[in-house]
């Protein structure tokens, strides 16, 4: 199954809403990662920021596994 996910290319045209979903999810992953790292290095309470960052990464990987990479949708 892993080679299927690594070589996944979407040949079907997707809607623009799916592209915006990927972009918003990636923006949320980056921003939650920045908040998580800031709280980690300033030694503040990290638990909620870490859980949010982990959930965002998991959702992002599930979207990539199902629909392929975001750059496949830009065709």
PDB file of N, CA and C in Angstrom:
ATOM      1  N   UNK A   1       0.810  -1.198   0.000  1.00  0.00           N
ATOM      2  CA  UNK A   1       0.000   0.000   0.000  1.00  0.00           C
ATOM      3  C   UNK A   1       0.854   1.263   0.000  1.00  0.00           C
ATOM      4  N   UNK A   2       2.015   1.215   0.634  1.00  0.00           N
ATOM      5  CA  UNK A   2       2.850   2.416   0.723  1.00  0.00           C
ATOM      6  C   UNK A   2       3.291   2.906  -0.652  1.00  0.00           C
ATOM      7  N   UNK A   3       3.743   2.047  -1.571  1.00  0.00           N
ATOM      8  CA  UNK A   3       4.092   2.574  -2.901  1.00  0.00           C
ATOM      9  C   UNK A   3       2.909   3.232  -3.602  1.00  0.00           C
ATOM     10  N   UNK A   4       1.699   2.743  -3.347  1.00  0.00           N
ATOM     11  CA  UNK A   4       0.519   3.375  -3.936  1.00  0.00           C
ATOM     12  C   UNK A   4       0.389   4.815  -3.450  1.00  0.00           C
ATOM     13  N   UNK A   5       0.619   5.041  -2.156  1.00  0.00           N
ATOM     14  CA  UNK A   5       0.515   6.393  -1.614  1.00  0.00           C
ATOM     15  C   UNK A   5       1.668   7.280  -2.079  1.00  0.00           C
ATOM     16  N   UNK A   6       2.859   6.707  -2.197  1.00  0.00           N
ATOM     17  CA  UNK A   6       4.008   7.516  -2.602  1.00  0.00           C
ATOM     18  C   UNK A   6       3.940   7.907  -4.071  1.00  0.00           C
ATOM     19  N   UNK A   7       3.367   7.072  -4.909  1.00  0.00           N
ATOM     20  CA  UNK A   7       3.300   7.345  -6.342  1.00  0.00           C
ATOM     21  C   UNK A   7       1.913   7.808  -6.771  1.00  0.00           C
ATOM     22  N   UNK A   8       1.132   8.322  -5.847  1.00  0.00           N
ATOM     23  CA  UNK A   8      -0.245   8.699  -6.123  1.00  0.00           C
ATOM     24  C   UNK A   8      -0.292   9.965  -6.977  1.00  0.00           C
ATOM     25  N   UNK A   9      -0.896   9.866  -8.134  1.00  0.00           N
ATOM     26  CA  UNK A   9      -1.082  11.013  -9.019  1.00  0.00           C
ATOM     27  C   UNK A   9      -2.555  11.042  -9.399  1.00  0.00           C
ATOM     28  N   UNK A  10      -3.155  12.200  -9.269  1.00  0.00           N
ATOM     29  CA  UNK A  10      -4.570  12.303  -9.602  1.00  0.00           C
ATOM     30  C   UNK A  10      -4.715  12.734 -11.055  1.00  0.00           C
ATOM     31  N   UNK A  11      -5.427  11.949 -11.832  1.00  0.00           N
ATOM     32  CA  UNK A  11      -5.672  12.270 -13.232  1.00  0.00           C
ATOM     33  C   UNK A  11      -7.057  12.859 -13.421  1.00  0.00           C
ATOM     34  N   UNK A  12      -7.871  12.835 -12.379  1.00  0.00           N
ATOM     35  CA  UNK A  12      -9.236  13.335 -12.460  1.00  0.00           C
ATOM     36  C   UNK A  12      -9.242  14.816 -12.100  1.00  0.00           C
ATOM     37  N   UNK A  13      -9.986  15.593 -12.852  1.00  0.00           N
ATOM     38  CA  UNK A  13     -10.088  17.014 -12.543  1.00  0.00           C
ATOM     39  C   UNK A  13     -10.854  17.201 -11.241  1.00  0.00           C
ATOM     40  N   UNK A  14     -10.331  18.056 -10.371  1.00  0.00           N
ATOM     41  CA  UNK A  14     -10.954  18.308  -9.081  1.00  0.00           C
ATOM     42  C   UNK A  14     -11.577  19.686  -9.058  1.00  0.00           C
ATOM     43  N   UNK A  15     -12.437  19.890  -8.091  1.00  0.00           N
ATOM     44  CA  UNK A  15     -13.083  21.187  -7.968  1.00  0.00           C
ATOM     45  C   UNK A  15     -12.141  22.176  -7.292  1.00  0.00           C
ATOM     46  N   UNK A  16     -12.479  23.425  -7.424  1.00  0.00           N
ATOM     47  CA  UNK A  16     -11.665  24.470  -6.812  1.00  0.00           C
ATOM     48  C   UNK A  16     -11.816  24.454  -5.292  1.00  0.00           C
ATOM     49  N   UNK A  17     -12.940  23.963  -4.800  1.00  0.00           N
ATOM     50  CA  UNK A  17     -13.145  23.891  -3.351  1.00  0.00           C
ATOM     51  C   UNK A  17     -12.148  22.948  -2.686  1.00  0.00           C
ATOM     52  N   UNK A  18     -11.795  21.861  -3.363  1.00  0.00           N
ATOM     53  CA  UNK A  18     -10.816  20.929  -2.808  1.00  0.00           C
ATOM     54  C   UNK A  18      -9.442  21.581  -2.723  1.00  0.00           C
ATOM     55  N   UNK A  19      -9.099  22.392  -3.712  1.00  0.00           N
ATOM     56  CA  UNK A  19      -7.833  23.115  -3.682  1.00  0.00           C
ATOM     57  C   UNK A  19      -7.794  24.080  -2.504  1.00  0.00           C
ATOM     58  N   UNK A  20      -8.885  24.802  -2.277  1.00  0.00           N
ATOM     59  CA  UNK A  20      -8.936  25.726  -1.149  1.00  0.00           C
ATOM     60  C   UNK A  20      -8.895  24.980   0.179  1.00  0.00           C
ATOM     61  N   UNK A  21      -9.468  23.777   0.226  1.00  0.00           N
ATOM     62  CA  UNK A  21      -9.399  22.975   1.439  1.00  0.00           C
ATOM     63  C   UNK A  21      -7.960  22.607   1.758  1.00  0.00           C
ATOM     64  N   UNK A  22      -7.209  22.192   0.739  1.00  0.00           N
ATOM     65  CA  UNK A  22      -5.802  21.869   0.935  1.00  0.00           C
ATOM     66  C   UNK A  22      -5.010  23.097   1.372  1.00  0.00           C
ATOM     67  N   UNK A  23      -5.244  24.224   0.725  1.00  0.00           N
ATOM     68  CA  UNK A  23      -4.509  25.434   1.078  1.00  0.00           C
ATOM     69  C   UNK A  23      -4.801  25.874   2.509  1.00  0.00           C
ATOM     70  N   UNK A  24      -6.065  25.857   2.904  1.00  0.00           N
ATOM     71  CA  UNK A  24      -6.408  26.252   4.268  1.00  0.00           C
ATOM     72  C   UNK A  24      -5.841  25.278   5.296  1.00  0.00           C
ATOM     73  N   UNK A  25      -5.862  23.996   4.974  1.00  0.00           N
ATOM     74  CA  UNK A  25      -5.302  23.004   5.885  1.00  0.00           C
ATOM     75  C   UNK A  25      -3.797  23.198   6.033  1.00  0.00           C
ATOM     76  N   UNK A  26      -3.103  23.464   4.939  1.00  0.00           N
ATOM     77  CA  UNK A  26      -1.657  23.685   5.011  1.00  0.00           C
ATOM     78  C   UNK A  26      -1.318  24.972   5.740  1.00  0.00           C
ATOM     79  N   UNK A  27      -2.109  26.019   5.554  1.00  0.00           N
ATOM     80  CA  UNK A  27      -1.892  27.265   6.288  1.00  0.00           C
ATOM     81  C   UNK A  27      -2.099  27.035   7.778  1.00  0.00           C
ATOM     82  N   UNK A  28      -3.110  26.256   8.137  1.00  0.00           N
ATOM     83  CA  UNK A  28      -3.357  25.951   9.545  1.00  0.00           C
ATOM     84  C   UNK A  28      -2.238  25.104  10.139  1.00  0.00           C
ATOM     85  N   UNK A  29      -1.699  24.162   9.364  1.00  0.00           N
ATOM     86  CA  UNK A  29      -0.583  23.343   9.845  1.00  0.00           C
ATOM     87  C   UNK A  29       0.637  24.213  10.125  1.00  0.00           C
ATOM     88  N   UNK A  30       0.943  25.114   9.209  1.00  0.00           N
ATOM     89  CA  UNK A  30       2.116  25.981   9.391  1.00  0.00           C
ATOM     90  C   UNK A  30       1.924  26.918  10.579  1.00  0.00           C
ATOM     91  N   UNK A  31       0.760  27.541  10.680  1.00  0.00           N
ATOM     92  CA  UNK A  31       0.545  28.483  11.783  1.00  0.00           C
ATOM     93  C   UNK A  31       0.505  27.772  13.130  1.00  0.00           C
ATOM     94  N   UNK A  32      -0.113  26.597  13.209  1.00  0.00           N
ATOM     95  CA  UNK A  32      -0.129  25.879  14.482  1.00  0.00           C
ATOM     96  C   UNK A  32       1.263  25.358  14.826  1.00  0.00           C
ATOM     97  N   UNK A  33       2.058  25.027  13.828  1.00  0.00           N
ATOM     98  CA  UNK A  33       3.446  24.621  14.069  1.00  0.00           C
ATOM     99  C   UNK A  33       4.285  25.760  14.610  1.00  0.00           C
ATOM    100  N   UNK A  34       4.070  26.958  14.088  1.00  0.00           N
ATOM    101  CA  UNK A  34       4.796  28.131  14.584  1.00  0.00           C
ATOM    102  C   UNK A  34       4.416  28.419  16.031  1.00  0.00           C
ATOM    103  N   UNK A  35       3.134  28.368  16.333  1.00  0.00           N
ATOM    104  CA  UNK A  35       2.678  28.594  17.711  1.00  0.00           C
ATOM    105  C   UNK A  35       3.238  27.526  18.643  1.00  0.00           C
ATOM    106  N   UNK A  36       3.232  26.270  18.192  1.00  0.00           N
ATOM    107  CA  UNK A  36       3.754  25.174  19.002  1.00  0.00           C
ATOM    108  C   UNK A  36       5.237  25.365  19.297  1.00  0.00           C
ATOM    109  N   UNK A  37       6.027  25.710  18.280  1.00  0.00           N
ATOM    110  CA  UNK A  37       7.462  25.904  18.489  1.00  0.00           C
ATOM    111  C   UNK A  37       7.732  27.103  19.386  1.00  0.00           C
ATOM    112  N   UNK A  38       6.965  28.185  19.211  1.00  0.00           N
ATOM    113  CA  UNK A  38       7.152  29.358  20.059  1.00  0.00           C
ATOM    114  C   UNK A  38       6.884  29.014  21.523  1.00  0.00           C
ATOM    115  N   UNK A  39       5.789  28.331  21.780  1.00  0.00           N
ATOM    116  CA  UNK A  39       5.461  27.958  23.164  1.00  0.00           C
ATOM    117  C   UNK A  39       6.461  26.958  23.725  1.00  0.00           C
ATOM    118  N   UNK A  40       6.978  26.077  22.873  1.00  0.00           N
ATOM    119  CA  UNK A  40       7.945  25.090  23.326  1.00  0.00           C
ATOM    120  C   UNK A  40       9.254  25.757  23.736  1.00  0.00           C
ATOM    121  N   UNK A  41       9.732  26.693  22.922  1.00  0.00           N
ATOM    122  CA  UNK A  41      11.012  27.328  23.217  1.00  0.00           C
ATOM    123  C   UNK A  41      10.917  28.400  24.298  1.00  0.00           C
ATOM    124  N   UNK A  42       9.727  28.966  24.523  1.00  0.00           N
ATOM    125  CA  UNK A  42       9.575  29.917  25.627  1.00  0.00           C
ATOM    126  C   UNK A  42       9.132  29.230  26.908  1.00  0.00           C
ATOM    127  N   UNK A  43       8.999  27.909  26.864  1.00  0.00           N
ATOM    128  CA  UNK A  43       8.671  27.071  28.015  1.00  0.00           C
ATOM    129  C   UNK A  43       7.346  27.460  28.661  1.00  0.00           C
ATOM    130  N   UNK A  44       6.357  27.695  27.814  1.00  0.00           N
ATOM    131  CA  UNK A  44       5.003  27.942  28.293  1.00  0.00           C
ATOM    132  C   UNK A  44       4.220  26.635  28.222  1.00  0.00           C
ATOM    133  N   UNK A  45       2.943  26.681  28.556  1.00  0.00           N
ATOM    134  CA  UNK A  45       2.110  25.478  28.480  1.00  0.00           C
ATOM    135  C   UNK A  45       1.979  25.052  27.023  1.00  0.00           C
ATOM    136  N   UNK A  46       2.386  23.822  26.761  1.00  0.00           N
ATOM    137  CA  UNK A  46       2.530  23.358  25.386  1.00  0.00           C
ATOM    138  C   UNK A  46       1.482  22.322  25.009  1.00  0.00           C
ATOM    139  N   UNK A  47       0.788  21.741  25.958  1.00  0.00           N
ATOM    140  CA  UNK A  47      -0.062  20.579  25.689  1.00  0.00           C
ATOM    141  C   UNK A  47      -1.114  20.854  24.617  1.00  0.00           C
ATOM    142  N   UNK A  48      -1.887  21.911  24.737  1.00  0.00           N
ATOM    143  CA  UNK A  48      -2.974  22.175  23.773  1.00  0.00           C
ATOM    144  C   UNK A  48      -2.407  22.525  22.406  1.00  0.00           C
ATOM    145  N   UNK A  49      -1.327  23.313  22.383  1.00  0.00           N
ATOM    146  CA  UNK A  49      -0.705  23.660  21.100  1.00  0.00           C
ATOM    147  C   UNK A  49      -0.145  22.424  20.416  1.00  0.00           C
ATOM    148  N   UNK A  50       0.446  21.510  21.177  1.00  0.00           N
ATOM    149  CA  UNK A  50       0.986  20.280  20.604  1.00  0.00           C
ATOM    150  C   UNK A  50      -0.094  19.364  20.070  1.00  0.00           C
ATOM    151  N   UNK A  51      -1.188  19.238  20.807  1.00  0.00           N
ATOM    152  CA  UNK A  51      -2.299  18.399  20.357  1.00  0.00           C
ATOM    153  C   UNK A  51      -2.927  18.974  19.094  1.00  0.00           C
ATOM    154  N   UNK A  52      -3.103  20.289  19.048  1.00  0.00           N
ATOM    155  CA  UNK A  52      -3.661  20.943  17.854  1.00  0.00           C
ATOM    156  C   UNK A  52      -2.762  20.733  16.646  1.00  0.00           C
ATOM    157  N   UNK A  53      -1.457  20.883  16.846  1.00  0.00           N
ATOM    158  CA  UNK A  53      -0.501  20.685  15.761  1.00  0.00           C
ATOM    159  C   UNK A  53      -0.519  19.239  15.277  1.00  0.00           C
ATOM    160  N   UNK A  54      -0.582  18.291  16.178  1.00  0.00           N
ATOM    161  CA  UNK A  54      -0.627  16.881  15.806  1.00  0.00           C
ATOM    162  C   UNK A  54      -1.886  16.522  15.028  1.00  0.00           C
ATOM    163  N   UNK A  55      -3.021  17.044  15.461  1.00  0.00           N
ATOM    164  CA  UNK A  55      -4.280  16.781  14.752  1.00  0.00           C
ATOM    165  C   UNK A  55      -4.251  17.407  13.359  1.00  0.00           C
ATOM    166  N   UNK A  56      -3.693  18.621  13.243  1.00  0.00           N
ATOM    167  CA  UNK A  56      -3.609  19.279  11.939  1.00  0.00           C
ATOM    168  C   UNK A  56      -2.727  18.498  10.979  1.00  0.00           C
ATOM    169  N   UNK A  57      -1.611  17.967  11.459  1.00  0.00           N
ATOM    170  CA  UNK A  57      -0.735  17.168  10.600  1.00  0.00           C
ATOM    171  C   UNK A  57      -1.428  15.868  10.193  1.00  0.00           C
ATOM    172  N   UNK A  58      -2.133  15.238  11.118  1.00  0.00           N
ATOM    173  CA  UNK A  58      -2.830  13.992  10.797  1.00  0.00           C
ATOM    174  C   UNK A  58      -3.897  14.217   9.732  1.00  0.00           C
ATOM    175  N   UNK A  59      -4.676  15.285   9.864  1.00  0.00           N
ATOM    176  CA  UNK A  59      -5.703  15.598   8.859  1.00  0.00           C
ATOM    177  C   UNK A  59      -5.064  15.893   7.511  1.00  0.00           C
ATOM    178  N   UNK A  60      -3.950  16.613   7.527  1.00  0.00           N
ATOM    179  CA  UNK A  60      -3.259  16.936   6.285  1.00  0.00           C
ATOM    180  C   UNK A  60      -2.758  15.669   5.592  1.00  0.00           C
ATOM    181  N   UNK A  61      -2.192  14.733   6.335  1.00  0.00           N
ATOM    182  CA  UNK A  61      -1.706  13.494   5.739  1.00  0.00           C
ATOM    183  C   UNK A  61      -2.845  12.621   5.218  1.00  0.00           C
ATOM    184  N   UNK A  62      -3.969  12.634   5.900  1.00  0.00           N
ATOM    185  CA  UNK A  62      -5.119  11.872   5.415  1.00  0.00           C
ATOM    186  C   UNK A  62      -5.625  12.464   4.103  1.00  0.00           C
ATOM    187  N   UNK A  63      -5.699  13.781   4.011  1.00  0.00           N
ATOM    188  CA  UNK A  63      -6.119  14.420   2.758  1.00  0.00           C
ATOM    189  C   UNK A  63      -5.156  14.100   1.617  1.00  0.00           C
ATOM    190  N   UNK A  64      -3.858  14.119   1.911  1.00  0.00           N
ATOM    191  CA  UNK A  64      -2.873  13.810   0.877  1.00  0.00           C
ATOM    192  C   UNK A  64      -2.982  12.350   0.459  1.00  0.00           C
ATOM    193  N   UNK A  65      -3.216  11.448   1.416  1.00  0.00           N
ATOM    194  CA  UNK A  65      -3.334  10.028   1.077  1.00  0.00           C
ATOM    195  C   UNK A  65      -4.571   9.753   0.235  1.00  0.00           C
ATOM    196  N   UNK A  66      -5.639  10.488   0.468  1.00  0.00           N
ATOM    197  CA  UNK A  66      -6.879  10.254  -0.283  1.00  0.00           C
ATOM    198  C   UNK A  66      -6.850  10.928  -1.651  1.00  0.00           C
ATOM    199  N   UNK A  67      -6.471  12.199  -1.686  1.00  0.00           N
ATOM    200  CA  UNK A  67      -6.605  12.979  -2.916  1.00  0.00           C
ATOM    201  C   UNK A  67      -5.293  13.234  -3.648  1.00  0.00           C
ATOM    202  N   UNK A  68      -4.168  12.872  -3.077  1.00  0.00           N
ATOM    203  CA  UNK A  68      -2.888  13.165  -3.702  1.00  0.00           C
ATOM    204  C   UNK A  68      -2.342  14.474  -3.171  1.00  0.00           C
ATOM    205  N   UNK A  69      -1.271  14.912  -3.762  1.00  0.00           N
ATOM    206  CA  UNK A  69      -0.603  16.123  -3.313  1.00  0.00           C
ATOM    207  C   UNK A  69      -1.344  17.361  -3.813  1.00  0.00           C
ATOM    208  N   UNK A  70      -1.132  18.481  -3.146  1.00  0.00           N
ATOM    209  CA  UNK A  70      -1.805  19.719  -3.531  1.00  0.00           C
ATOM    210  C   UNK A  70      -1.366  20.163  -4.914  1.00  0.00           C
ATOM    211  N   UNK A  71      -0.120  19.865  -5.305  1.00  0.00           N
ATOM    212  CA  UNK A  71       0.368  20.281  -6.609  1.00  0.00           C
ATOM    213  C   UNK A  71      -0.285  19.484  -7.744  1.00  0.00           C
ATOM    214  N   UNK A  72      -0.807  18.304  -7.447  1.00  0.00           N
ATOM    215  CA  UNK A  72      -1.564  17.549  -8.454  1.00  0.00           C
ATOM    216  C   UNK A  72      -2.871  18.244  -8.785  1.00  0.00           C
ATOM    217  N   UNK A  73      -3.420  18.981  -7.831  1.00  0.00           N
ATOM    218  CA  UNK A  73      -4.689  19.653  -8.049  1.00  0.00           C
ATOM    219  C   UNK A  73      -4.545  20.948  -8.837  1.00  0.00           C
ATOM    220  N   UNK A  74      -3.325  21.441  -8.991  1.00  0.00           N
ATOM    221  CA  UNK A  74      -3.096  22.706  -9.685  1.00  0.00           C
ATOM    222  C   UNK A  74      -2.999  22.543 -11.193  1.00  0.00           C
ATOM    223  N   UNK A  75      -3.140  21.344 -11.702  1.00  0.00           N
ATOM    224  CA  UNK A  75      -3.008  21.103 -13.147  1.00  0.00           C
ATOM    225  C   UNK A  75      -4.115  21.758 -13.928  1.00  0.00           C
TER     226      UNK A  75
END
